[in-house]
Protein backbone atom coordinates (compact mmCIF):
# COMPACT_ATOMS: atom_id res chain seq x y z
CA UNK A 1 114.25 74.96 7.42
CA UNK A 2 117.93 75.39 6.67
CA UNK A 3 121.12 73.51 7.47
CA UNK A 4 123.50 75.80 9.37
CA UNK A 5 126.28 73.23 9.83
CA UNK A 6 126.19 70.18 7.55
CA UNK A 7 127.13 66.87 9.13
CA UNK A 8 130.90 67.02 9.50
CA UNK A 9 133.73 66.97 12.03
CA UNK A 10 135.32 69.91 13.83
CA UNK A 11 138.58 69.56 15.75
CA UNK A 12 138.93 73.02 17.32
CA UNK A 13 136.72 75.90 18.49
CA UNK A 14 135.12 77.80 15.63
CA UNK A 15 132.10 79.38 14.03
CA UNK A 16 130.29 79.60 10.71
CA UNK A 17 129.74 83.37 10.72
CA UNK A 18 131.60 83.77 7.41
CA UNK A 19 129.20 81.20 5.90
CA UNK A 20 126.04 82.56 7.53
CA UNK A 21 122.64 81.72 6.09
CA UNK A 22 120.59 84.68 4.86
CA UNK A 23 116.92 84.30 5.74
CA UNK A 24 115.99 87.31 3.59
CA UNK A 25 114.49 89.23 6.54
CA UNK A 26 114.02 88.92 10.27
CA UNK A 27 110.90 87.12 11.51
CA UNK A 28 108.85 87.58 14.66
CA UNK A 29 107.34 84.16 15.37
CA UNK A 30 110.41 82.31 16.70
CA UNK A 31 111.69 79.01 15.42
CA UNK A 32 113.22 75.67 16.30
CA UNK A 33 116.83 74.50 16.24
CA UNK A 34 118.01 70.94 15.78
CA UNK A 35 121.34 69.40 16.82
CA UNK A 36 122.58 65.91 15.96
CA UNK A 37 125.90 64.62 17.33
CA UNK A 38 126.61 61.05 16.16
CA UNK A 39 130.31 61.03 17.17
CA UNK A 40 132.37 62.76 19.85
CA UNK A 41 135.97 62.38 21.01
CA UNK A 42 136.74 64.88 23.75
CA UNK A 43 140.47 64.12 24.03
CA UNK A 44 140.44 65.14 27.71
CA UNK A 45 138.12 68.14 27.26
CA UNK A 46 135.00 68.28 29.46
CA UNK A 47 132.40 68.84 26.74
CA UNK A 48 131.55 70.84 23.64
CA UNK A 49 128.96 73.63 23.53
CA UNK A 50 127.20 74.25 20.22
CA UNK A 51 125.05 77.34 19.63
CA UNK A 52 122.90 78.94 16.96
CA UNK A 53 123.61 82.64 16.47
CA UNK A 54 121.60 85.34 14.72
CA UNK A 55 122.43 88.78 13.34
CA UNK A 56 120.54 91.69 11.81
CA UNK A 57 123.58 92.93 9.85
CA UNK A 58 125.71 89.79 9.19
CA UNK A 59 128.49 91.37 11.29
CA UNK A 60 127.43 91.29 14.95
CA UNK A 61 126.12 87.89 16.01
CA UNK A 62 124.39 87.01 19.29
CA UNK A 63 123.28 83.75 20.86
CA UNK A 64 119.84 82.61 19.77
CA UNK A 65 120.00 79.01 21.05
CA UNK A 66 122.52 77.29 23.31
CA UNK A 67 122.14 73.53 23.09
CA UNK A 68 122.95 71.39 26.13
CA UNK A 69 126.72 70.94 26.53
CA UNK A 70 127.60 67.62 24.89
CA UNK A 71 129.78 65.18 26.80
CA UNK A 72 128.66 61.93 25.17
CA UNK A 73 127.39 60.75 21.80
CA UNK A 74 125.16 59.93 20.11
CA UNK A 75 122.92 62.86 21.03
CA UNK A 76 120.03 64.71 19.39
CA UNK A 77 118.31 67.82 20.71
CA UNK A 78 115.47 70.09 19.59
CA UNK A 79 115.10 73.60 21.11
CA UNK A 80 112.31 76.10 20.34
CA UNK A 81 112.66 79.86 20.75
CA UNK A 82 109.93 82.52 20.75
CA UNK A 83 110.10 86.04 19.35
CA UNK A 84 112.37 87.69 16.83
CA UNK A 85 114.85 85.71 14.77
CA UNK A 86 117.22 88.06 12.96
CA UNK A 87 117.89 87.81 9.22
CA UNK A 88 121.25 85.96 9.33
CA UNK A 89 121.95 82.67 11.11
CA UNK A 90 125.20 80.90 11.95
CA UNK A 91 126.62 78.42 14.46
CA UNK A 92 129.57 78.30 16.81
CA UNK A 93 131.16 75.55 18.88
CA UNK A 94 133.59 75.53 21.78
CA UNK A 95 135.32 72.73 23.64
CA UNK A 96 135.26 73.16 27.42
CA UNK A 97 138.22 72.48 29.68
CA UNK A 98 141.62 71.40 28.44
CA UNK A 99 142.80 68.45 26.45
CA UNK A 100 144.19 67.56 23.07
CA UNK A 101 142.92 66.29 19.73
CA UNK A 102 139.16 66.65 20.29
CA UNK A 103 136.71 65.91 17.49
CA UNK A 104 132.96 66.41 17.27
CA UNK A 105 130.89 65.35 14.29
CA UNK A 106 127.61 67.25 14.21
CA UNK A 107 124.79 68.79 12.20
CA UNK A 108 122.74 71.89 13.07
CA UNK A 109 119.50 72.96 11.42
CA UNK A 110 116.94 75.71 12.05
CA UNK A 111 113.37 76.34 10.94
CA UNK A 112 111.46 79.60 11.44
CA UNK A 113 107.85 79.44 12.59
């Protein structure tokens, strides 16, 4: 497997598309994504949604896995997906609702079957 977002804090919506992981080629047997959230401060926001994205061309990314929206920590989740996983993988994260000074510390990994 690969680490798509090393354990670290994010304080605003973002993505790792510019730091995508190149799997060398697409694969057809699916895979499994892992999310670990040891710390979360929502600062009035409702939750944070963290996703794994894939792309055939490292330009246009689409949702591969949407983890359960996180509103409390600690949390760990494992999600399997069948079928094609495109060559490039990345993550994105988005705080829901409104608030100020949110922070989520998380790690995302993915392994192809």
